């Protein structure tokens, strides 16, 4: 699975949220300044070529929908981060969040509960 560029990820977030959308509907969900219709249309077609999106034809229009689940992409993206920046060690990633991001005690307690639940 390819990595999404920033703007591609933004479009995918809209599609994941809407489930199905025409280009016009995607644009409505994007922050200002809104990109031009042709720009979004081209980017959605690129996402389709990359295998992230498919379409259905309704009259003369195309309605696009994601074919890669958000959770699937998130897992791949996090796995890549763990491999690239944390020597393929999830423990080093957790350590980073615990120390560098200064999780508060309640967040650390939640993390501990999640770990204990995985052991059960």
PDB file of N, CA and C in Angstrom:
ATOM      1  N   UNK A   1       0.839  -1.180   0.000  1.00  0.00           N
ATOM      2  CA  UNK A   1       0.000   0.000   0.000  1.00  0.00           C
ATOM      3  C   UNK A   1       0.882   1.240   0.000  1.00  0.00           C
ATOM      4  N   UNK A   2       0.554   2.179  -0.870  1.00  0.00           N
ATOM      5  CA  UNK A   2       1.327   3.401  -0.967  1.00  0.00           C
ATOM      6  C   UNK A   2       0.975   4.361   0.171  1.00  0.00           C
ATOM      7  N   UNK A   3       1.893   5.259   0.453  1.00  0.00           N
ATOM      8  CA  UNK A   3       1.658   6.293   1.449  1.00  0.00           C
ATOM      9  C   UNK A   3       0.897   7.435   0.785  1.00  0.00           C
ATOM     10  N   UNK A   4      -0.027   8.027   1.510  1.00  0.00           N
ATOM     11  CA  UNK A   4      -0.794   9.148   0.993  1.00  0.00           C
ATOM     12  C   UNK A   4      -0.064  10.461   1.258  1.00  0.00           C
ATOM     13  N   UNK A   5      -0.078  11.333   0.255  1.00  0.00           N
ATOM     14  CA  UNK A   5       0.417  12.695   0.450  1.00  0.00           C
ATOM     15  C   UNK A   5      -0.568  13.426   1.357  1.00  0.00           C
ATOM     16  N   UNK A   6      -0.153  14.540   1.896  1.00  0.00           N
ATOM     17  CA  UNK A   6      -0.981  15.286   2.852  1.00  0.00           C
ATOM     18  C   UNK A   6      -2.374  15.598   2.291  1.00  0.00           C
ATOM     19  N   UNK A   7      -2.449  16.143   1.105  1.00  0.00           N
ATOM     20  CA  UNK A   7      -3.746  16.509   0.511  1.00  0.00           C
ATOM     21  C   UNK A   7      -4.562  15.260   0.165  1.00  0.00           C
ATOM     22  N   UNK A   8      -3.886  14.198  -0.272  1.00  0.00           N
ATOM     23  CA  UNK A   8      -4.584  12.939  -0.547  1.00  0.00           C
ATOM     24  C   UNK A   8      -5.216  12.394   0.733  1.00  0.00           C
ATOM     25  N   UNK A   9      -4.459  12.448   1.821  1.00  0.00           N
ATOM     26  CA  UNK A   9      -4.977  11.976   3.111  1.00  0.00           C
ATOM     27  C   UNK A   9      -6.179  12.807   3.539  1.00  0.00           C
ATOM     28  N   UNK A  10      -6.133  14.094   3.270  1.00  0.00           N
ATOM     29  CA  UNK A  10      -7.244  14.977   3.604  1.00  0.00           C
ATOM     30  C   UNK A  10      -8.503  14.568   2.829  1.00  0.00           C
ATOM     31  N   UNK A  11      -8.342  14.258   1.543  1.00  0.00           N
ATOM     32  CA  UNK A  11      -9.479  13.816   0.738  1.00  0.00           C
ATOM     33  C   UNK A  11     -10.001  12.473   1.226  1.00  0.00           C
ATOM     34  N   UNK A  12      -9.090  11.570   1.572  1.00  0.00           N
ATOM     35  CA  UNK A  12      -9.511  10.261   2.072  1.00  0.00           C
ATOM     36  C   UNK A  12     -10.266  10.396   3.391  1.00  0.00           C
ATOM     37  N   UNK A  13      -9.832  11.296   4.262  1.00  0.00           N
ATOM     38  CA  UNK A  13     -10.547  11.505   5.527  1.00  0.00           C
ATOM     39  C   UNK A  13     -11.995  11.916   5.262  1.00  0.00           C
ATOM     40  N   UNK A  14     -12.194  12.767   4.261  1.00  0.00           N
ATOM     41  CA  UNK A  14     -13.556  13.171   3.893  1.00  0.00           C
ATOM     42  C   UNK A  14     -14.338  11.968   3.379  1.00  0.00           C
ATOM     43  N   UNK A  15     -13.732  11.190   2.490  1.00  0.00           N
ATOM     44  CA  UNK A  15     -14.434  10.026   1.946  1.00  0.00           C
ATOM     45  C   UNK A  15     -14.727   8.982   3.015  1.00  0.00           C
ATOM     46  N   UNK A  16     -13.799   8.760   3.928  1.00  0.00           N
ATOM     47  CA  UNK A  16     -14.054   7.817   5.024  1.00  0.00           C
ATOM     48  C   UNK A  16     -15.232   8.290   5.861  1.00  0.00           C
ATOM     49  N   UNK A  17     -15.317   9.583   6.081  1.00  0.00           N
ATOM     50  CA  UNK A  17     -16.395  10.125   6.898  1.00  0.00           C
ATOM     51  C   UNK A  17     -17.744  10.073   6.157  1.00  0.00           C
ATOM     52  N   UNK A  18     -17.745  10.432   4.869  1.00  0.00           N
ATOM     53  CA  UNK A  18     -18.992  10.491   4.102  1.00  0.00           C
ATOM     54  C   UNK A  18     -19.414   9.140   3.528  1.00  0.00           C
ATOM     55  N   UNK A  19     -18.499   8.212   3.407  1.00  0.00           N
ATOM     56  CA  UNK A  19     -18.717   6.879   2.823  1.00  0.00           C
ATOM     57  C   UNK A  19     -18.811   6.912   1.295  1.00  0.00           C
ATOM     58  N   UNK A  20     -19.624   7.790   0.732  1.00  0.00           N
ATOM     59  CA  UNK A  20     -19.735   7.978  -0.714  1.00  0.00           C
ATOM     60  C   UNK A  20     -19.936   9.468  -0.960  1.00  0.00           C
ATOM     61  N   UNK A  21     -19.306   9.996  -2.023  1.00  0.00           N
ATOM     62  CA  UNK A  21     -19.461  11.430  -2.270  1.00  0.00           C
ATOM     63  C   UNK A  21     -19.093  11.784  -3.698  1.00  0.00           C
ATOM     64  N   UNK A  22     -19.781  12.795  -4.210  1.00  0.00           N
ATOM     65  CA  UNK A  22     -19.409  13.420  -5.470  1.00  0.00           C
ATOM     66  C   UNK A  22     -18.301  14.418  -5.177  1.00  0.00           C
ATOM     67  N   UNK A  23     -17.542  14.802  -6.195  1.00  0.00           N
ATOM     68  CA  UNK A  23     -16.445  15.752  -6.006  1.00  0.00           C
ATOM     69  C   UNK A  23     -16.944  17.015  -5.317  1.00  0.00           C
ATOM     70  N   UNK A  24     -18.095  17.515  -5.728  1.00  0.00           N
ATOM     71  CA  UNK A  24     -18.658  18.728  -5.130  1.00  0.00           C
ATOM     72  C   UNK A  24     -18.848  18.561  -3.623  1.00  0.00           C
ATOM     73  N   UNK A  25     -19.321  17.400  -3.197  1.00  0.00           N
ATOM     74  CA  UNK A  25     -19.543  17.145  -1.773  1.00  0.00           C
ATOM     75  C   UNK A  25     -18.216  17.052  -1.014  1.00  0.00           C
ATOM     76  N   UNK A  26     -17.203  16.503  -1.669  1.00  0.00           N
ATOM     77  CA  UNK A  26     -15.874  16.437  -1.047  1.00  0.00           C
ATOM     78  C   UNK A  26     -15.363  17.849  -0.800  1.00  0.00           C
ATOM     79  N   UNK A  27     -15.484  18.702  -1.817  1.00  0.00           N
ATOM     80  CA  UNK A  27     -15.000  20.085  -1.717  1.00  0.00           C
ATOM     81  C   UNK A  27     -15.689  20.811  -0.571  1.00  0.00           C
ATOM     82  N   UNK A  28     -16.999  20.587  -0.413  1.00  0.00           N
ATOM     83  CA  UNK A  28     -17.756  21.246   0.662  1.00  0.00           C
ATOM     84  C   UNK A  28     -17.195  20.920   2.042  1.00  0.00           C
ATOM     85  N   UNK A  29     -16.608  19.739   2.189  1.00  0.00           N
ATOM     86  CA  UNK A  29     -16.088  19.298   3.486  1.00  0.00           C
ATOM     87  C   UNK A  29     -14.656  19.762   3.756  1.00  0.00           C
ATOM     88  N   UNK A  30     -13.988  20.301   2.751  1.00  0.00           N
ATOM     89  CA  UNK A  30     -12.600  20.725   2.899  1.00  0.00           C
ATOM     90  C   UNK A  30     -12.530  22.118   3.510  1.00  0.00           C
ATOM     91  N   UNK A  31     -11.443  22.401   4.242  1.00  0.00           N
ATOM     92  CA  UNK A  31     -11.314  23.731   4.852  1.00  0.00           C
ATOM     93  C   UNK A  31     -11.046  24.802   3.789  1.00  0.00           C
ATOM     94  N   UNK A  32     -11.337  26.036   4.151  1.00  0.00           N
ATOM     95  CA  UNK A  32     -11.023  27.171   3.270  1.00  0.00           C
ATOM     96  C   UNK A  32      -9.529  27.427   3.301  1.00  0.00           C
ATOM     97  N   UNK A  33      -8.945  27.884   2.248  1.00  0.00           N
ATOM     98  CA  UNK A  33      -9.545  28.146   0.939  1.00  0.00           C
ATOM     99  C   UNK A  33      -9.810  26.831   0.203  1.00  0.00           C
ATOM    100  N   UNK A  34     -11.005  26.727  -0.364  1.00  0.00           N
ATOM    101  CA  UNK A  34     -11.413  25.520  -1.073  1.00  0.00           C
ATOM    102  C   UNK A  34     -10.597  25.358  -2.348  1.00  0.00           C
ATOM    103  N   UNK A  35     -10.108  24.139  -2.606  1.00  0.00           N
ATOM    104  CA  UNK A  35      -9.409  23.907  -3.871  1.00  0.00           C
ATOM    105  C   UNK A  35     -10.392  23.923  -5.037  1.00  0.00           C
ATOM    106  N   UNK A  36      -9.884  24.150  -6.220  1.00  0.00           N
ATOM    107  CA  UNK A  36     -10.705  24.177  -7.421  1.00  0.00           C
ATOM    108  C   UNK A  36     -11.276  22.792  -7.706  1.00  0.00           C
ATOM    109  N   UNK A  37     -12.455  22.747  -8.296  1.00  0.00           N
ATOM    110  CA  UNK A  37     -13.129  21.504  -8.634  1.00  0.00           C
ATOM    111  C   UNK A  37     -12.212  20.574  -9.428  1.00  0.00           C
ATOM    112  N   UNK A  38     -11.542  21.103 -10.447  1.00  0.00           N
ATOM    113  CA  UNK A  38     -10.680  20.270 -11.297  1.00  0.00           C
ATOM    114  C   UNK A  38      -9.518  19.675 -10.510  1.00  0.00           C
ATOM    115  N   UNK A  39      -9.004  20.423  -9.562  1.00  0.00           N
ATOM    116  CA  UNK A  39      -7.904  19.930  -8.722  1.00  0.00           C
ATOM    117  C   UNK A  39      -8.352  18.724  -7.919  1.00  0.00           C
ATOM    118  N   UNK A  40      -9.502  18.844  -7.260  1.00  0.00           N
ATOM    119  CA  UNK A  40     -10.024  17.745  -6.437  1.00  0.00           C
ATOM    120  C   UNK A  40     -10.372  16.554  -7.319  1.00  0.00           C
ATOM    121  N   UNK A  41     -10.976  16.821  -8.456  1.00  0.00           N
ATOM    122  CA  UNK A  41     -11.340  15.750  -9.382  1.00  0.00           C
ATOM    123  C   UNK A  41     -10.099  14.967  -9.815  1.00  0.00           C
ATOM    124  N   UNK A  42      -9.039  15.674 -10.149  1.00  0.00           N
ATOM    125  CA  UNK A  42      -7.787  15.028 -10.553  1.00  0.00           C
ATOM    126  C   UNK A  42      -7.204  14.207  -9.408  1.00  0.00           C
ATOM    127  N   UNK A  43      -7.227  14.771  -8.202  1.00  0.00           N
ATOM    128  CA  UNK A  43      -6.660  14.055  -7.060  1.00  0.00           C
ATOM    129  C   UNK A  43      -7.457  12.800  -6.730  1.00  0.00           C
ATOM    130  N   UNK A  44      -8.767  12.871  -6.860  1.00  0.00           N
ATOM    131  CA  UNK A  44      -9.595  11.695  -6.593  1.00  0.00           C
ATOM    132  C   UNK A  44      -9.308  10.613  -7.632  1.00  0.00           C
ATOM    133  N   UNK A  45      -9.097  11.016  -8.871  1.00  0.00           N
ATOM    134  CA  UNK A  45      -8.751  10.042  -9.915  1.00  0.00           C
ATOM    135  C   UNK A  45      -7.388   9.406  -9.632  1.00  0.00           C
ATOM    136  N   UNK A  46      -6.451  10.185  -9.115  1.00  0.00           N
ATOM    137  CA  UNK A  46      -5.142   9.641  -8.729  1.00  0.00           C
ATOM    138  C   UNK A  46      -5.318   8.636  -7.585  1.00  0.00           C
ATOM    139  N   UNK A  47      -6.164   8.974  -6.616  1.00  0.00           N
ATOM    140  CA  UNK A  47      -6.452   8.040  -5.517  1.00  0.00           C
ATOM    141  C   UNK A  47      -7.069   6.755  -6.053  1.00  0.00           C
ATOM    142  N   UNK A  48      -7.869   6.879  -7.092  1.00  0.00           N
ATOM    143  CA  UNK A  48      -8.456   5.696  -7.707  1.00  0.00           C
ATOM    144  C   UNK A  48      -7.377   4.854  -8.378  1.00  0.00           C
ATOM    145  N   UNK A  49      -6.457   5.508  -9.074  1.00  0.00           N
ATOM    146  CA  UNK A  49      -5.354   4.789  -9.723  1.00  0.00           C
ATOM    147  C   UNK A  49      -4.471   4.082  -8.693  1.00  0.00           C
ATOM    148  N   UNK A  50      -4.322   4.688  -7.521  1.00  0.00           N
ATOM    149  CA  UNK A  50      -3.516   4.095  -6.450  1.00  0.00           C
ATOM    150  C   UNK A  50      -4.249   2.972  -5.720  1.00  0.00           C
ATOM    151  N   UNK A  51      -5.532   2.804  -6.000  1.00  0.00           N
ATOM    152  CA  UNK A  51      -6.291   1.735  -5.374  1.00  0.00           C
ATOM    153  C   UNK A  51      -6.970   2.089  -4.072  1.00  0.00           C
ATOM    154  N   UNK A  52      -7.046   3.369  -3.735  1.00  0.00           N
ATOM    155  CA  UNK A  52      -7.688   3.792  -2.496  1.00  0.00           C
ATOM    156  C   UNK A  52      -9.172   4.066  -2.669  1.00  0.00           C
ATOM    157  N   UNK A  53      -9.578   4.389  -3.900  1.00  0.00           N
ATOM    158  CA  UNK A  53     -10.927   4.861  -4.180  1.00  0.00           C
ATOM    159  C   UNK A  53     -11.464   4.144  -5.411  1.00  0.00           C
ATOM    160  N   UNK A  54     -12.771   3.970  -5.457  1.00  0.00           N
ATOM    161  CA  UNK A  54     -13.449   3.490  -6.660  1.00  0.00           C
ATOM    162  C   UNK A  54     -14.634   4.422  -6.894  1.00  0.00           C
ATOM    163  N   UNK A  55     -15.331   4.202  -7.997  1.00  0.00           N
ATOM    164  CA  UNK A  55     -16.475   5.069  -8.290  1.00  0.00           C
ATOM    165  C   UNK A  55     -17.632   4.266  -8.869  1.00  0.00           C
ATOM    166  N   UNK A  56     -18.777   4.888  -8.786  1.00  0.00           N
ATOM    167  CA  UNK A  56     -19.953   4.379  -9.475  1.00  0.00           C
ATOM    168  C   UNK A  56     -20.502   5.530 -10.305  1.00  0.00           C
ATOM    169  N   UNK A  57     -20.976   5.204 -11.491  1.00  0.00           N
ATOM    170  CA  UNK A  57     -21.492   6.235 -12.384  1.00  0.00           C
ATOM    171  C   UNK A  57     -22.991   6.376 -12.156  1.00  0.00           C
ATOM    172  N   UNK A  58     -23.405   7.603 -11.903  1.00  0.00           N
ATOM    173  CA  UNK A  58     -24.809   7.922 -11.713  1.00  0.00           C
ATOM    174  C   UNK A  58     -25.158   9.020 -12.718  1.00  0.00           C
ATOM    175  N   UNK A  59     -25.804   8.637 -13.805  1.00  0.00           N
ATOM    176  CA  UNK A  59     -26.068   9.594 -14.881  1.00  0.00           C
ATOM    177  C   UNK A  59     -24.762   9.999 -15.519  1.00  0.00           C
ATOM    178  N   UNK A  60     -24.506  11.290 -15.527  1.00  0.00           N
ATOM    179  CA  UNK A  60     -23.249  11.803 -16.081  1.00  0.00           C
ATOM    180  C   UNK A  60     -22.202  12.065 -15.001  1.00  0.00           C
ATOM    181  N   UNK A  61     -22.507  11.742 -13.771  1.00  0.00           N
ATOM    182  CA  UNK A  61     -21.616  12.050 -12.653  1.00  0.00           C
ATOM    183  C   UNK A  61     -21.021  10.772 -12.069  1.00  0.00           C
ATOM    184  N   UNK A  62     -19.913  10.948 -11.367  1.00  0.00           N
ATOM    185  CA  UNK A  62     -19.254   9.851 -10.673  1.00  0.00           C
ATOM    186  C   UNK A  62     -19.339  10.098  -9.172  1.00  0.00           C
ATOM    187  N   UNK A  63     -19.765   9.076  -8.459  1.00  0.00           N
ATOM    188  CA  UNK A  63     -19.758   9.132  -7.003  1.00  0.00           C
ATOM    189  C   UNK A  63     -18.641   8.208  -6.527  1.00  0.00           C
ATOM    190  N   UNK A  64     -17.755   8.754  -5.720  1.00  0.00           N
ATOM    191  CA  UNK A  64     -16.562   8.043  -5.276  1.00  0.00           C
ATOM    192  C   UNK A  64     -16.760   7.478  -3.874  1.00  0.00           C
ATOM    193  N   UNK A  65     -16.069   6.380  -3.610  1.00  0.00           N
ATOM    194  CA  UNK A  65     -16.133   5.756  -2.292  1.00  0.00           C
ATOM    195  C   UNK A  65     -14.791   5.088  -2.004  1.00  0.00           C
ATOM    196  N   UNK A  66     -14.415   5.023  -0.721  1.00  0.00           N
ATOM    197  CA  UNK A  66     -13.130   4.405  -0.359  1.00  0.00           C
ATOM    198  C   UNK A  66     -13.191   2.886  -0.508  1.00  0.00           C
ATOM    199  N   UNK A  67     -12.096   2.300  -0.970  1.00  0.00           N
ATOM    200  CA  UNK A  67     -11.998   0.840  -1.012  1.00  0.00           C
ATOM    201  C   UNK A  67     -10.945   0.343  -0.019  1.00  0.00           C
ATOM    202  N   UNK A  68     -10.204   1.278   0.550  1.00  0.00           N
ATOM    203  CA  UNK A  68      -9.268   0.968   1.632  1.00  0.00           C
ATOM    204  C   UNK A  68      -9.875   1.534   2.905  1.00  0.00           C
ATOM    205  N   UNK A  69     -10.055   0.686   3.906  1.00  0.00           N
ATOM    206  CA  UNK A  69     -10.632   1.129   5.172  1.00  0.00           C
ATOM    207  C   UNK A  69      -9.660   2.045   5.907  1.00  0.00           C
ATOM    208  N   UNK A  70     -10.214   2.991   6.623  1.00  0.00           N
ATOM    209  CA  UNK A  70      -9.390   3.926   7.388  1.00  0.00           C
ATOM    210  C   UNK A  70      -8.492   3.183   8.377  1.00  0.00           C
ATOM    211  N   UNK A  71      -9.049   2.177   9.051  1.00  0.00           N
ATOM    212  CA  UNK A  71      -8.280   1.411  10.034  1.00  0.00           C
ATOM    213  C   UNK A  71      -7.121   0.666   9.368  1.00  0.00           C
ATOM    214  N   UNK A  72      -7.363   0.157   8.173  1.00  0.00           N
ATOM    215  CA  UNK A  72      -6.318  -0.545   7.431  1.00  0.00           C
ATOM    216  C   UNK A  72      -5.170   0.406   7.088  1.00  0.00           C
ATOM    217  N   UNK A  73      -5.508   1.610   6.649  1.00  0.00           N
ATOM    218  CA  UNK A  73      -4.470   2.583   6.316  1.00  0.00           C
ATOM    219  C   UNK A  73      -3.730   3.043   7.577  1.00  0.00           C
ATOM    220  N   UNK A  74      -4.468   3.283   8.654  1.00  0.00           N
ATOM    221  CA  UNK A  74      -3.831   3.687   9.904  1.00  0.00           C
ATOM    222  C   UNK A  74      -2.832   2.642  10.385  1.00  0.00           C
ATOM    223  N   UNK A  75      -3.237   1.378  10.322  1.00  0.00           N
ATOM    224  CA  UNK A  75      -2.347   0.300  10.756  1.00  0.00           C
ATOM    225  C   UNK A  75      -1.067   0.297   9.930  1.00  0.00           C
ATOM    226  N   UNK A  76      -1.203   0.416   8.628  1.00  0.00           N
ATOM    227  CA  UNK A  76      -0.041   0.429   7.751  1.00  0.00           C
ATOM    228  C   UNK A  76       0.854   1.634   8.052  1.00  0.00           C
ATOM    229  N   UNK A  77       0.238   2.786   8.242  1.00  0.00           N
ATOM    230  CA  UNK A  77       1.002   4.003   8.509  1.00  0.00           C
ATOM    231  C   UNK A  77       1.760   3.897   9.835  1.00  0.00           C
ATOM    232  N   UNK A  78       1.100   3.387  10.881  1.00  0.00           N
ATOM    233  CA  UNK A  78       1.756   3.244  12.182  1.00  0.00           C
ATOM    234  C   UNK A  78       2.859   2.197  12.100  1.00  0.00           C
ATOM    235  N   UNK A  79       2.593   1.085  11.416  1.00  0.00           N
ATOM    236  CA  UNK A  79       3.635   0.066  11.246  1.00  0.00           C
ATOM    237  C   UNK A  79       4.866   0.663  10.567  1.00  0.00           C
ATOM    238  N   UNK A  80       4.646   1.512   9.564  1.00  0.00           N
ATOM    239  CA  UNK A  80       5.764   2.156   8.876  1.00  0.00           C
ATOM    240  C   UNK A  80       6.544   3.078   9.806  1.00  0.00           C
ATOM    241  N   UNK A  81       5.830   3.833  10.636  1.00  0.00           N
ATOM    242  CA  UNK A  81       6.493   4.729  11.588  1.00  0.00           C
ATOM    243  C   UNK A  81       7.324   3.919  12.582  1.00  0.00           C
ATOM    244  N   UNK A  82       6.755   2.828  13.081  1.00  0.00           N
ATOM    245  CA  UNK A  82       7.478   1.984  14.043  1.00  0.00           C
ATOM    246  C   UNK A  82       8.751   1.437  13.401  1.00  0.00           C
ATOM    247  N   UNK A  83       8.644   0.990  12.163  1.00  0.00           N
ATOM    248  CA  UNK A  83       9.818   0.447  11.468  1.00  0.00           C
ATOM    249  C   UNK A  83      10.866   1.522  11.200  1.00  0.00           C
ATOM    250  N   UNK A  84      10.432   2.680  10.707  1.00  0.00           N
ATOM    251  CA  UNK A  84      11.369   3.726  10.298  1.00  0.00           C
ATOM    252  C   UNK A  84      12.023   4.461  11.456  1.00  0.00           C
ATOM    253  N   UNK A  85      11.255   4.752  12.504  1.00  0.00           N
ATOM    254  CA  UNK A  85      11.748   5.647  13.539  1.00  0.00           C
ATOM    255  C   UNK A  85      11.981   4.998  14.897  1.00  0.00           C
ATOM    256  N   UNK A  86      11.502   3.761  15.075  1.00  0.00           N
ATOM    257  CA  UNK A  86      11.610   3.118  16.379  1.00  0.00           C
ATOM    258  C   UNK A  86      12.197   1.720  16.292  1.00  0.00           C
ATOM    259  N   UNK A  87      13.073   1.505  15.315  1.00  0.00           N
ATOM    260  CA  UNK A  87      13.782   0.236  15.157  1.00  0.00           C
ATOM    261  C   UNK A  87      12.841  -0.974  15.189  1.00  0.00           C
ATOM    262  N   UNK A  88      11.655  -0.800  14.627  1.00  0.00           N
ATOM    263  CA  UNK A  88      10.652  -1.863  14.553  1.00  0.00           C
ATOM    264  C   UNK A  88      10.237  -2.358  15.945  1.00  0.00           C
ATOM    265  N   UNK A  89      10.312  -1.464  16.921  1.00  0.00           N
ATOM    266  CA  UNK A  89       9.988  -1.824  18.301  1.00  0.00           C
ATOM    267  C   UNK A  89       8.778  -1.025  18.792  1.00  0.00           C
ATOM    268  N   UNK A  90       7.627  -1.680  18.924  1.00  0.00           N
ATOM    269  CA  UNK A  90       6.466  -0.975  19.474  1.00  0.00           C
ATOM    270  C   UNK A  90       6.739  -0.424  20.880  1.00  0.00           C
ATOM    271  N   UNK A  91       7.597  -1.124  21.632  1.00  0.00           N
ATOM    272  CA  UNK A  91       7.931  -0.664  22.985  1.00  0.00           C
ATOM    273  C   UNK A  91       8.617   0.704  22.940  1.00  0.00           C
ATOM    274  N   UNK A  92       9.500   0.899  21.964  1.00  0.00           N
ATOM    275  CA  UNK A  92      10.162   2.202  21.836  1.00  0.00           C
ATOM    276  C   UNK A  92       9.151   3.294  21.483  1.00  0.00           C
ATOM    277  N   UNK A  93       8.138   2.947  20.702  1.00  0.00           N
ATOM    278  CA  UNK A  93       7.085   3.903  20.373  1.00  0.00           C
ATOM    279  C   UNK A  93       6.299   4.272  21.634  1.00  0.00           C
ATOM    280  N   UNK A  94       5.918   3.280  22.416  1.00  0.00           N
ATOM    281  CA  UNK A  94       5.178   3.532  23.654  1.00  0.00           C
ATOM    282  C   UNK A  94       6.028   4.368  24.609  1.00  0.00           C
ATOM    283  N   UNK A  95       7.309   4.040  24.702  1.00  0.00           N
ATOM    284  CA  UNK A  95       8.219   4.793  25.552  1.00  0.00           C
ATOM    285  C   UNK A  95       8.280   6.255  25.110  1.00  0.00           C
ATOM    286  N   UNK A  96       8.312   6.473  23.803  1.00  0.00           N
ATOM    287  CA  UNK A  96       8.333   7.830  23.270  1.00  0.00           C
ATOM    288  C   UNK A  96       7.102   8.600  23.741  1.00  0.00           C
ATOM    289  N   UNK A  97       5.930   7.997  23.603  1.00  0.00           N
ATOM    290  CA  UNK A  97       4.716   8.689  24.010  1.00  0.00           C
ATOM    291  C   UNK A  97       4.663   8.897  25.520  1.00  0.00           C
ATOM    292  N   UNK A  98       5.126   7.916  26.262  1.00  0.00           N
ATOM    293  CA  UNK A  98       5.076   8.023  27.717  1.00  0.00           C
ATOM    294  C   UNK A  98       6.001   9.120  28.233  1.00  0.00           C
ATOM    295  N   UNK A  99       7.178   9.244  27.610  1.00  0.00           N
ATOM    296  CA  UNK A  99       8.165  10.212  28.107  1.00  0.00           C
ATOM    297  C   UNK A  99       8.145  11.526  27.330  1.00  0.00           C
ATOM    298  N   UNK A 100       8.318  11.453  26.037  1.00  0.00           N
ATOM    299  CA  UNK A 100       8.462  12.663  25.231  1.00  0.00           C
ATOM    300  C   UNK A 100       7.158  13.436  25.080  1.00  0.00           C
ATOM    301  N   UNK A 101       6.058  12.739  24.975  1.00  0.00           N
ATOM    302  CA  UNK A 101       4.771  13.418  24.817  1.00  0.00           C
ATOM    303  C   UNK A 101       4.120  13.691  26.170  1.00  0.00           C
ATOM    304  N   UNK A 102       4.764  13.263  27.222  1.00  0.00           N
ATOM    305  CA  UNK A 102       4.342  13.515  28.594  1.00  0.00           C
ATOM    306  C   UNK A 102       2.861  13.207  28.814  1.00  0.00           C
ATOM    307  N   UNK A 103       2.535  11.923  28.625  1.00  0.00           N
ATOM    308  CA  UNK A 103       1.174  11.486  28.902  1.00  0.00           C
ATOM    309  C   UNK A 103       0.854  11.755  30.366  1.00  0.00           C
ATOM    310  N   UNK A 104      -0.350  12.197  30.624  1.00  0.00           N
ATOM    311  CA  UNK A 104      -0.712  12.432  32.020  1.00  0.00           C
ATOM    312  C   UNK A 104      -1.014  11.089  32.687  1.00  0.00           C
ATOM    313  N   UNK A 105      -1.035  11.064  34.007  1.00  0.00           N
ATOM    314  CA  UNK A 105      -1.215   9.787  34.726  1.00  0.00           C
ATOM    315  C   UNK A 105      -2.474   9.017  34.315  1.00  0.00           C
ATOM    316  N   UNK A 106      -3.566   9.703  34.025  1.00  0.00           N
ATOM    317  CA  UNK A 106      -4.787   8.983  33.644  1.00  0.00           C
ATOM    318  C   UNK A 106      -4.609   8.304  32.281  1.00  0.00           C
ATOM    319  N   UNK A 107      -3.872   8.951  31.366  1.00  0.00           N
ATOM    320  CA  UNK A 107      -3.608   8.329  30.070  1.00  0.00           C
ATOM    321  C   UNK A 107      -2.681   7.128  30.218  1.00  0.00           C
ATOM    322  N   UNK A 108      -1.690   7.251  31.085  1.00  0.00           N
ATOM    323  CA  UNK A 108      -0.798   6.119  31.348  1.00  0.00           C
ATOM    324  C   UNK A 108      -1.566   4.953  31.971  1.00  0.00           C
ATOM    325  N   UNK A 109      -2.472   5.256  32.880  1.00  0.00           N
ATOM    326  CA  UNK A 109      -3.286   4.212  33.504  1.00  0.00           C
ATOM    327  C   UNK A 109      -4.150   3.515  32.463  1.00  0.00           C
ATOM    328  N   UNK A 110      -4.717   4.278  31.535  1.00  0.00           N
ATOM    329  CA  UNK A 110      -5.517   3.695  30.445  1.00  0.00           C
ATOM    330  C   UNK A 110      -4.661   2.782  29.583  1.00  0.00           C
ATOM    331  N   UNK A 111      -3.447   3.210  29.312  1.00  0.00           N
ATOM    332  CA  UNK A 111      -2.521   2.411  28.509  1.00  0.00           C
ATOM    333  C   UNK A 111      -2.202   1.099  29.226  1.00  0.00           C
ATOM    334  N   UNK A 112      -1.977   1.166  30.507  1.00  0.00           N
ATOM    335  CA  UNK A 112      -1.701  -0.034  31.298  1.00  0.00           C
ATOM    336  C   UNK A 112      -2.900  -0.988  31.250  1.00  0.00           C
ATOM    337  N   UNK A 113      -4.124  -0.437  31.364  1.00  0.00           N
ATOM    338  CA  UNK A 113      -5.325  -1.275  31.292  1.00  0.00           C
ATOM    339  C   UNK A 113      -5.456  -1.932  29.925  1.00  0.00           C
ATOM    340  N   UNK A 114      -5.145  -1.192  28.868  1.00  0.00           N
ATOM    341  CA  UNK A 114      -5.192  -1.767  27.528  1.00  0.00           C
ATOM    342  C   UNK A 114      -4.219  -2.932  27.377  1.00  0.00           C
ATOM    343  N   UNK A 115      -3.031  -2.767  27.933  1.00  0.00           N
ATOM    344  CA  UNK A 115      -2.019  -3.821  27.874  1.00  0.00           C
ATOM    345  C   UNK A 115      -2.499  -5.037  28.660  1.00  0.00           C
ATOM    346  N   UNK A 116      -3.028  -4.810  29.851  1.00  0.00           N
ATOM    347  CA  UNK A 116      -3.523  -5.921  30.669  1.00  0.00           C
ATOM    348  C   UNK A 116      -4.672  -6.638  29.986  1.00  0.00           C
ATOM    349  N   UNK A 117      -5.547  -5.902  29.309  1.00  0.00           N
ATOM    350  CA  UNK A 117      -6.664  -6.519  28.585  1.00  0.00           C
ATOM    351  C   UNK A 117      -6.159  -7.391  27.453  1.00  0.00           C
ATOM    352  N   UNK A 118      -5.053  -7.009  26.825  1.00  0.00           N
ATOM    353  CA  UNK A 118      -4.480  -7.821  25.749  1.00  0.00           C
ATOM    354  C   UNK A 118      -3.920  -9.127  26.268  1.00  0.00           C
ATOM    355  N   UNK A 119      -3.456  -9.126  27.518  1.00  0.00           N
ATOM    356  CA  UNK A 119      -2.886 -10.328  28.120  1.00  0.00           C
ATOM    357  C   UNK A 119      -3.970 -11.350  28.472  1.00  0.00           C
ATOM    358  N   UNK A 120      -5.186 -10.873  28.693  1.00  0.00           N
ATOM    359  CA  UNK A 120      -6.293 -11.765  29.102  1.00  0.00           C
ATOM    360  C   UNK A 120      -6.777 -12.619  27.975  1.00  0.00           C
TER     361      UNK A 120
END
